[in-house]
């Protein structure tokens, strides 16, 4: 079984976010980038298929050369090889088109991705990719087993879980639960050294223009100052809730 894991290169949630050029571009200076957490769940599940069922695991990213350290980390975790599509990711549809070309050229049976990336939270790429490829698709997955060419999928729905069966080829949008957080892997020294020798192939993008563009970015409004009210001063508390917070 050939498994492709889609990796997004996203800012660490502890990084301070700023914008430049009149708030039209994201400022990457001083920002630490990591593997998208949802993709990390997918990668860890792919490693299980590699170790238990002999699957081959390739990781792929659509991005410029700055994303290569993130791909190298995925290789250090245990992926066999990596592919970088040499272009800026402009929107979800553009990314899906580039990934679809990689899937077609590589003949992958199973495509694993996070349900969304934590930077833009679009949540659209896995479904678009499956549609372009005409693959089976399931999102919000919290469990996945493969037996031959049949997959058993567990996914979250309102009020519970749904168990599905689907045949390969298949695209999965995973989340926490696909593996447990305690099972996520940290690259060790041996893995880091081996990753340097593993192939990281750079391919040129297919000719396709993005369908959207970012007009501007805006940070959330800062939180107001916290006012402390004496526990015995109920009248002041009611006044503040009514006149300032306007919640009563």
C-alpha atoms as a PDB file:
ATOM      1  CA  UNK A   1       0.000   0.000   0.000  1.00  0.00           C
ATOM      2  CA  UNK A   2       1.298   3.428  -0.970  1.00  0.00           C
ATOM      3  CA  UNK A   3       0.387   6.184   1.477  1.00  0.00           C
ATOM      4  CA  UNK A   4       0.721   9.914   0.822  1.00  0.00           C
ATOM      5  CA  UNK A   5       0.553  12.298   3.789  1.00  0.00           C
ATOM      6  CA  UNK A   6      -0.170  15.961   3.053  1.00  0.00           C
ATOM      7  CA  UNK A   7       1.870  18.248   5.305  1.00  0.00           C
ATOM      8  CA  UNK A   8       1.085  21.916   5.955  1.00  0.00           C
ATOM      9  CA  UNK A   9       3.838  24.251   7.158  1.00  0.00           C
ATOM     10  CA  UNK A  10       2.112  26.453   9.750  1.00  0.00           C
ATOM     11  CA  UNK A  11       3.114  28.999  12.423  1.00  0.00           C
ATOM     12  CA  UNK A  12       3.481  27.689  15.954  1.00  0.00           C
ATOM     13  CA  UNK A  13       0.510  28.878  18.000  1.00  0.00           C
ATOM     14  CA  UNK A  14       2.892  30.611  20.437  1.00  0.00           C
ATOM     15  CA  UNK A  15       4.332  32.837  17.684  1.00  0.00           C
ATOM     16  CA  UNK A  16       3.490  36.525  17.578  1.00  0.00           C
ATOM     17  CA  UNK A  17       1.650  37.304  14.346  1.00  0.00           C
ATOM     18  CA  UNK A  18       2.137  40.526  12.394  1.00  0.00           C
ATOM     19  CA  UNK A  19       1.330  41.800   8.901  1.00  0.00           C
ATOM     20  CA  UNK A  20       3.201  44.025   6.448  1.00  0.00           C
ATOM     21  CA  UNK A  21       2.510  46.069   3.310  1.00  0.00           C
ATOM     22  CA  UNK A  22      -0.603  47.719   4.698  1.00  0.00           C
ATOM     23  CA  UNK A  23      -1.836  44.491   6.349  1.00  0.00           C
ATOM     24  CA  UNK A  24      -1.917  42.650   3.019  1.00  0.00           C
ATOM     25  CA  UNK A  25       0.928  40.163   3.681  1.00  0.00           C
ATOM     26  CA  UNK A  26       1.791  37.857   6.550  1.00  0.00           C
ATOM     27  CA  UNK A  27       5.121  38.775   8.186  1.00  0.00           C
ATOM     28  CA  UNK A  28       7.171  35.592   8.673  1.00  0.00           C
ATOM     29  CA  UNK A  29      10.051  37.299  10.495  1.00  0.00           C
ATOM     30  CA  UNK A  30      10.641  35.702  13.880  1.00  0.00           C
ATOM     31  CA  UNK A  31       7.876  33.124  13.387  1.00  0.00           C
ATOM     32  CA  UNK A  32       8.547  29.492  14.286  1.00  0.00           C
ATOM     33  CA  UNK A  33       6.937  27.039  11.841  1.00  0.00           C
ATOM     34  CA  UNK A  34       5.818  23.487  12.635  1.00  0.00           C
ATOM     35  CA  UNK A  35       3.967  20.551  11.092  1.00  0.00           C
ATOM     36  CA  UNK A  36       0.254  21.295  11.150  1.00  0.00           C
ATOM     37  CA  UNK A  37      -1.018  19.397  14.241  1.00  0.00           C
ATOM     38  CA  UNK A  38      -3.877  17.692  12.380  1.00  0.00           C
ATOM     39  CA  UNK A  39      -1.387  16.524   9.737  1.00  0.00           C
ATOM     40  CA  UNK A  40       0.848  15.186  12.500  1.00  0.00           C
ATOM     41  CA  UNK A  41      -1.973  12.881  13.627  1.00  0.00           C
ATOM     42  CA  UNK A  42      -2.259  11.684  10.020  1.00  0.00           C
ATOM     43  CA  UNK A  43       1.494  11.127   9.735  1.00  0.00           C
ATOM     44  CA  UNK A  44       1.585   9.118  12.937  1.00  0.00           C
ATOM     45  CA  UNK A  45      -1.238   6.889  11.666  1.00  0.00           C
ATOM     46  CA  UNK A  46       0.636   6.425   8.393  1.00  0.00           C
ATOM     47  CA  UNK A  47       3.676   5.269  10.361  1.00  0.00           C
ATOM     48  CA  UNK A  48       1.502   2.608  11.993  1.00  0.00           C
ATOM     49  CA  UNK A  49       0.537   1.309   8.530  1.00  0.00           C
ATOM     50  CA  UNK A  50       4.216   1.284   7.581  1.00  0.00           C
ATOM     51  CA  UNK A  51       5.312  -0.668  10.630  1.00  0.00           C
ATOM     52  CA  UNK A  52       2.367  -3.086  10.872  1.00  0.00           C
ATOM     53  CA  UNK A  53       1.457  -3.594   7.216  1.00  0.00           C
ATOM     54  CA  UNK A  54       4.597  -2.691   5.267  1.00  0.00           C
ATOM     55  CA  UNK A  55       3.146   0.407   3.628  1.00  0.00           C
ATOM     56  CA  UNK A  56       5.404   2.980   2.000  1.00  0.00           C
ATOM     57  CA  UNK A  57       4.923   6.533   3.274  1.00  0.00           C
ATOM     58  CA  UNK A  58       5.577   9.710   1.292  1.00  0.00           C
ATOM     59  CA  UNK A  59       4.994  13.222   2.633  1.00  0.00           C
ATOM     60  CA  UNK A  60       4.141  16.177   0.403  1.00  0.00           C
ATOM     61  CA  UNK A  61       3.934  19.927   0.812  1.00  0.00           C
ATOM     62  CA  UNK A  62       2.988  22.742  -1.529  1.00  0.00           C
ATOM     63  CA  UNK A  63       5.380  25.585  -0.743  1.00  0.00           C
ATOM     64  CA  UNK A  64       8.718  27.257  -1.343  1.00  0.00           C
ATOM     65  CA  UNK A  65      12.116  26.184  -0.002  1.00  0.00           C
ATOM     66  CA  UNK A  66      11.362  27.540   3.485  1.00  0.00           C
ATOM     67  CA  UNK A  67       9.055  24.573   4.089  1.00  0.00           C
ATOM     68  CA  UNK A  68      11.807  21.981   3.686  1.00  0.00           C
ATOM     69  CA  UNK A  69      12.756  21.848   7.416  1.00  0.00           C
ATOM     70  CA  UNK A  70       9.160  20.807   8.143  1.00  0.00           C
ATOM     71  CA  UNK A  71       9.392  18.052   5.519  1.00  0.00           C
ATOM     72  CA  UNK A  72      12.734  16.947   6.963  1.00  0.00           C
ATOM     73  CA  UNK A  73      11.098  16.625  10.376  1.00  0.00           C
ATOM     74  CA  UNK A  74       8.451  14.373   8.820  1.00  0.00           C
ATOM     75  CA  UNK A  75      11.253  12.284   7.299  1.00  0.00           C
ATOM     76  CA  UNK A  76      12.946  12.108  10.703  1.00  0.00           C
ATOM     77  CA  UNK A  77       9.701  10.821  12.193  1.00  0.00           C
ATOM     78  CA  UNK A  78       9.888   7.953   9.717  1.00  0.00           C
ATOM     79  CA  UNK A  79       8.462   8.830   6.291  1.00  0.00           C
ATOM     80  CA  UNK A  80      10.340   7.172   3.422  1.00  0.00           C
ATOM     81  CA  UNK A  81      10.590  10.163   1.116  1.00  0.00           C
ATOM     82  CA  UNK A  82       9.238  13.660   0.588  1.00  0.00           C
ATOM     83  CA  UNK A  83       7.917  15.791  -2.256  1.00  0.00           C
ATOM     84  CA  UNK A  84       7.805  19.581  -2.346  1.00  0.00           C
ATOM     85  CA  UNK A  85       5.711  21.272  -5.014  1.00  0.00           C
ATOM     86  CA  UNK A  86       7.764  24.371  -5.729  1.00  0.00           C
ATOM     87  CA  UNK A  87       5.189  27.155  -5.503  1.00  0.00           C
ATOM     88  CA  UNK A  88       3.468  29.416  -3.003  1.00  0.00           C
ATOM     89  CA  UNK A  89       0.168  28.072  -1.708  1.00  0.00           C
ATOM     90  CA  UNK A  90      -2.311  30.744  -2.782  1.00  0.00           C
ATOM     91  CA  UNK A  91      -5.643  29.145  -1.849  1.00  0.00           C
ATOM     92  CA  UNK A  92      -7.206  25.798  -1.039  1.00  0.00           C
ATOM     93  CA  UNK A  93      -8.285  24.947  -4.585  1.00  0.00           C
ATOM     94  CA  UNK A  94      -4.818  25.737  -5.938  1.00  0.00           C
ATOM     95  CA  UNK A  95      -3.242  23.451  -3.313  1.00  0.00           C
ATOM     96  CA  UNK A  96      -5.729  20.662  -4.072  1.00  0.00           C
ATOM     97  CA  UNK A  97      -4.912  20.855  -7.793  1.00  0.00           C
ATOM     98  CA  UNK A  98      -1.184  20.578  -7.108  1.00  0.00           C
ATOM     99  CA  UNK A  99      -1.654  17.666  -4.703  1.00  0.00           C
ATOM    100  CA  UNK A 100      -3.918  15.881  -7.187  1.00  0.00           C
ATOM    101  CA  UNK A 101      -1.126  15.898  -9.755  1.00  0.00           C
ATOM    102  CA  UNK A 102       1.259  14.356  -7.210  1.00  0.00           C
ATOM    103  CA  UNK A 103      -1.282  11.627  -6.405  1.00  0.00           C
ATOM    104  CA  UNK A 104      -1.861  10.844 -10.087  1.00  0.00           C
ATOM    105  CA  UNK A 105       1.864  10.612 -10.822  1.00  0.00           C
ATOM    106  CA  UNK A 106       2.607   8.526  -7.722  1.00  0.00           C
ATOM    107  CA  UNK A 107      -0.268   6.052  -7.864  1.00  0.00           C
ATOM    108  CA  UNK A 108      -1.105   6.331  -4.162  1.00  0.00           C
ATOM    109  CA  UNK A 109      -3.776   4.137  -2.580  1.00  0.00           C
ATOM    110  CA  UNK A 110      -4.381   6.198   0.545  1.00  0.00           C
ATOM    111  CA  UNK A 111      -4.061   9.962   1.035  1.00  0.00           C
ATOM    112  CA  UNK A 112      -4.005  11.191   4.625  1.00  0.00           C
ATOM    113  CA  UNK A 113      -4.353  14.842   5.584  1.00  0.00           C
ATOM    114  CA  UNK A 114      -5.487  16.878   8.540  1.00  0.00           C
ATOM    115  CA  UNK A 115      -9.085  18.066   8.361  1.00  0.00           C
ATOM    116  CA  UNK A 116      -7.770  21.645   8.214  1.00  0.00           C
ATOM    117  CA  UNK A 117      -4.642  23.722   8.782  1.00  0.00           C
ATOM    118  CA  UNK A 118      -4.416  25.825  11.935  1.00  0.00           C
ATOM    119  CA  UNK A 119      -3.335  28.991  10.110  1.00  0.00           C
ATOM    120  CA  UNK A 120      -6.290  29.658   7.781  1.00  0.00           C
ATOM    121  CA  UNK A 121      -8.655  26.925   9.043  1.00  0.00           C
ATOM    122  CA  UNK A 122     -10.167  26.580   5.570  1.00  0.00           C
ATOM    123  CA  UNK A 123     -10.980  22.886   5.939  1.00  0.00           C
ATOM    124  CA  UNK A 124     -11.426  22.514   2.182  1.00  0.00           C
ATOM    125  CA  UNK A 125      -8.332  20.846   0.702  1.00  0.00           C
ATOM    126  CA  UNK A 126      -9.024  17.150   1.527  1.00  0.00           C
ATOM    127  CA  UNK A 127     -12.559  17.257   0.089  1.00  0.00           C
ATOM    128  CA  UNK A 128     -11.466  19.181  -3.008  1.00  0.00           C
ATOM    129  CA  UNK A 129      -8.601  16.748  -3.548  1.00  0.00           C
ATOM    130  CA  UNK A 130     -10.928  13.735  -3.343  1.00  0.00           C
ATOM    131  CA  UNK A 131     -13.357  15.384  -5.761  1.00  0.00           C
ATOM    132  CA  UNK A 132     -10.650  16.142  -8.330  1.00  0.00           C
ATOM    133  CA  UNK A 133      -9.317  12.578  -8.102  1.00  0.00           C
ATOM    134  CA  UNK A 134     -12.760  10.926  -7.851  1.00  0.00           C
ATOM    135  CA  UNK A 135     -11.551   9.085  -4.719  1.00  0.00           C
ATOM    136  CA  UNK A 136     -13.696   8.059  -1.774  1.00  0.00           C
ATOM    137  CA  UNK A 137     -13.515  10.612   1.035  1.00  0.00           C
ATOM    138  CA  UNK A 138     -14.225  10.881   4.745  1.00  0.00           C
ATOM    139  CA  UNK A 139     -13.629  13.871   7.010  1.00  0.00           C
ATOM    140  CA  UNK A 140     -13.285  14.430  10.775  1.00  0.00           C
ATOM    141  CA  UNK A 141     -11.878  10.920  11.134  1.00  0.00           C
ATOM    142  CA  UNK A 142     -10.920   9.639  14.576  1.00  0.00           C
ATOM    143  CA  UNK A 143     -10.167   6.049  13.593  1.00  0.00           C
ATOM    144  CA  UNK A 144      -8.891   4.206  10.525  1.00  0.00           C
ATOM    145  CA  UNK A 145      -8.160   0.536   9.826  1.00  0.00           C
ATOM    146  CA  UNK A 146      -7.175  -0.970   6.475  1.00  0.00           C
ATOM    147  CA  UNK A 147      -7.712  -4.605   5.525  1.00  0.00           C
ATOM    148  CA  UNK A 148      -6.707  -5.385   1.957  1.00  0.00           C
ATOM    149  CA  UNK A 149      -8.455  -2.733  -0.148  1.00  0.00           C
ATOM    150  CA  UNK A 150     -11.188  -2.015   2.400  1.00  0.00           C
ATOM    151  CA  UNK A 151     -11.031   0.747   5.000  1.00  0.00           C
ATOM    152  CA  UNK A 152     -13.052   0.923   8.202  1.00  0.00           C
ATOM    153  CA  UNK A 153     -13.428   4.530   9.290  1.00  0.00           C
ATOM    154  CA  UNK A 154     -14.646   6.102  12.500  1.00  0.00           C
ATOM    155  CA  UNK A 155     -15.647   9.764  12.295  1.00  0.00           C
ATOM    156  CA  UNK A 156     -17.133  12.286  14.667  1.00  0.00           C
ATOM    157  CA  UNK A 157     -20.697  13.456  14.061  1.00  0.00           C
ATOM    158  CA  UNK A 158     -23.052  15.540  16.186  1.00  0.00           C
ATOM    159  CA  UNK A 159     -23.812  13.554  19.296  1.00  0.00           C
ATOM    160  CA  UNK A 160     -21.562  10.588  18.632  1.00  0.00           C
ATOM    161  CA  UNK A 161     -19.478   8.631  16.136  1.00  0.00           C
ATOM    162  CA  UNK A 162     -20.228   7.098  12.764  1.00  0.00           C
ATOM    163  CA  UNK A 163     -18.571   3.900  11.493  1.00  0.00           C
ATOM    164  CA  UNK A 164     -18.113   3.715   7.721  1.00  0.00           C
ATOM    165  CA  UNK A 165     -16.654   1.253   5.249  1.00  0.00           C
ATOM    166  CA  UNK A 166     -14.980   2.406   2.038  1.00  0.00           C
ATOM    167  CA  UNK A 167     -12.719   0.941  -0.605  1.00  0.00           C
ATOM    168  CA  UNK A 168      -9.342   2.263  -1.668  1.00  0.00           C
ATOM    169  CA  UNK A 169      -8.302   4.629  -3.182  1.00  0.00           C
ATOM    170  CA  UNK A 170      -9.332   6.923  -0.365  1.00  0.00           C
ATOM    171  CA  UNK A 171      -8.718  10.438   0.988  1.00  0.00           C
ATOM    172  CA  UNK A 172      -8.985  10.962   4.745  1.00  0.00           C
ATOM    173  CA  UNK A 173      -9.290  14.243   6.660  1.00  0.00           C
ATOM    174  CA  UNK A 174      -8.048  13.353  10.142  1.00  0.00           C
ATOM    175  CA  UNK A 175      -8.098  14.975  13.552  1.00  0.00           C
ATOM    176  CA  UNK A 176      -7.249  14.257  17.167  1.00  0.00           C
ATOM    177  CA  UNK A 177      -8.333  10.704  17.878  1.00  0.00           C
ATOM    178  CA  UNK A 178      -6.922   9.288  14.640  1.00  0.00           C
ATOM    179  CA  UNK A 179      -4.071   8.654  17.050  1.00  0.00           C
ATOM    180  CA  UNK A 180      -3.801   9.792  20.651  1.00  0.00           C
ATOM    181  CA  UNK A 181      -1.568  12.730  21.529  1.00  0.00           C
ATOM    182  CA  UNK A 182       0.628  10.449  23.638  1.00  0.00           C
ATOM    183  CA  UNK A 183       1.377   8.433  20.483  1.00  0.00           C
ATOM    184  CA  UNK A 184       2.724  11.400  18.500  1.00  0.00           C
ATOM    185  CA  UNK A 185       6.377  10.923  17.642  1.00  0.00           C
ATOM    186  CA  UNK A 186       9.341  13.137  18.365  1.00  0.00           C
ATOM    187  CA  UNK A 187      12.307  12.701  15.996  1.00  0.00           C
ATOM    188  CA  UNK A 188      15.273  11.071  17.714  1.00  0.00           C
ATOM    189  CA  UNK A 189      18.921  11.537  16.754  1.00  0.00           C
ATOM    190  CA  UNK A 190      18.975   8.401  14.604  1.00  0.00           C
ATOM    191  CA  UNK A 191      15.872   9.558  12.747  1.00  0.00           C
ATOM    192  CA  UNK A 192      17.338  13.031  12.193  1.00  0.00           C
ATOM    193  CA  UNK A 193      20.555  11.581  10.790  1.00  0.00           C
ATOM    194  CA  UNK A 194      18.671   9.183   8.510  1.00  0.00           C
ATOM    195  CA  UNK A 195      16.404  11.998   7.281  1.00  0.00           C
ATOM    196  CA  UNK A 196      19.410  13.760   5.764  1.00  0.00           C
ATOM    197  CA  UNK A 197      19.911  10.835   3.398  1.00  0.00           C
ATOM    198  CA  UNK A 198      16.276  10.358   2.421  1.00  0.00           C
ATOM    199  CA  UNK A 199      15.117  11.812  -0.906  1.00  0.00           C
ATOM    200  CA  UNK A 200      13.318  15.151  -0.920  1.00  0.00           C
ATOM    201  CA  UNK A 201      12.121  15.655  -4.469  1.00  0.00           C
ATOM    202  CA  UNK A 202      11.216  19.112  -5.747  1.00  0.00           C
ATOM    203  CA  UNK A 203       8.644  19.170  -8.537  1.00  0.00           C
ATOM    204  CA  UNK A 204       7.340  22.110 -10.485  1.00  0.00           C
ATOM    205  CA  UNK A 205       3.642  23.051 -10.166  1.00  0.00           C
ATOM    206  CA  UNK A 206       1.012  22.415 -12.778  1.00  0.00           C
ATOM    207  CA  UNK A 207      -0.184  25.534 -14.575  1.00  0.00           C
ATOM    208  CA  UNK A 208      -3.204  26.720 -12.636  1.00  0.00           C
ATOM    209  CA  UNK A 209      -4.182  30.156 -11.316  1.00  0.00           C
ATOM    210  CA  UNK A 210      -5.637  30.501  -7.846  1.00  0.00           C
ATOM    211  CA  UNK A 211      -9.273  31.522  -7.637  1.00  0.00           C
ATOM    212  CA  UNK A 212      -9.001  33.789  -4.594  1.00  0.00           C
ATOM    213  CA  UNK A 213      -6.582  36.331  -3.130  1.00  0.00           C
ATOM    214  CA  UNK A 214      -6.203  38.002   0.247  1.00  0.00           C
ATOM    215  CA  UNK A 215      -7.272  41.641   0.280  1.00  0.00           C
ATOM    216  CA  UNK A 216      -6.135  42.361   3.848  1.00  0.00           C
ATOM    217  CA  UNK A 217      -5.615  40.848   7.283  1.00  0.00           C
ATOM    218  CA  UNK A 218      -6.916  42.129  10.600  1.00  0.00           C
ATOM    219  CA  UNK A 219      -6.072  41.055  14.139  1.00  0.00           C
ATOM    220  CA  UNK A 220      -8.844  40.466  16.673  1.00  0.00           C
ATOM    221  CA  UNK A 221      -9.643  43.477  18.834  1.00  0.00           C
ATOM    222  CA  UNK A 222      -7.682  43.460  22.104  1.00  0.00           C
ATOM    223  CA  UNK A 223      -9.535  42.316  25.202  1.00  0.00           C
ATOM    224  CA  UNK A 224     -10.759  45.012  27.565  1.00  0.00           C
ATOM    225  CA  UNK A 225      -9.238  45.547  30.965  1.00  0.00           C
ATOM    226  CA  UNK A 226     -10.498  43.374  33.790  1.00  0.00           C
ATOM    227  CA  UNK A 227     -12.388  45.202  36.541  1.00  0.00           C
ATOM    228  CA  UNK A 228     -12.427  43.769  40.030  1.00  0.00           C
ATOM    229  CA  UNK A 229     -15.579  44.224  42.102  1.00  0.00           C
ATOM    230  CA  UNK A 230     -15.768  43.651  45.821  1.00  0.00           C
ATOM    231  CA  UNK A 231     -17.796  40.540  46.628  1.00  0.00           C
ATOM    232  CA  UNK A 232     -20.170  42.544  48.812  1.00  0.00           C
ATOM    233  CA  UNK A 233     -20.778  45.312  46.265  1.00  0.00           C
ATOM    234  CA  UNK A 234     -23.607  43.691  44.280  1.00  0.00           C
ATOM    235  CA  UNK A 235     -25.040  47.035  43.110  1.00  0.00           C
ATOM    236  CA  UNK A 236     -21.794  47.993  41.359  1.00  0.00           C
ATOM    237  CA  UNK A 237     -21.571  44.573  39.717  1.00  0.00           C
ATOM    238  CA  UNK A 238     -25.126  44.875  38.373  1.00  0.00           C
ATOM    239  CA  UNK A 239     -24.419  48.391  37.130  1.00  0.00           C
ATOM    240  CA  UNK A 240     -21.291  47.289  35.251  1.00  0.00           C
ATOM    241  CA  UNK A 241     -23.023  44.279  33.692  1.00  0.00           C
ATOM    242  CA  UNK A 242     -25.939  46.465  32.596  1.00  0.00           C
ATOM    243  CA  UNK A 243     -24.225  49.703  31.511  1.00  0.00           C
ATOM    244  CA  UNK A 244     -20.798  48.562  30.276  1.00  0.00           C
ATOM    245  CA  UNK A 245     -20.936  44.879  29.406  1.00  0.00           C
ATOM    246  CA  UNK A 246     -24.598  45.221  28.340  1.00  0.00           C
ATOM    247  CA  UNK A 247     -25.317  41.582  29.111  1.00  0.00           C
ATOM    248  CA  UNK A 248     -28.294  42.234  31.384  1.00  0.00           C
END
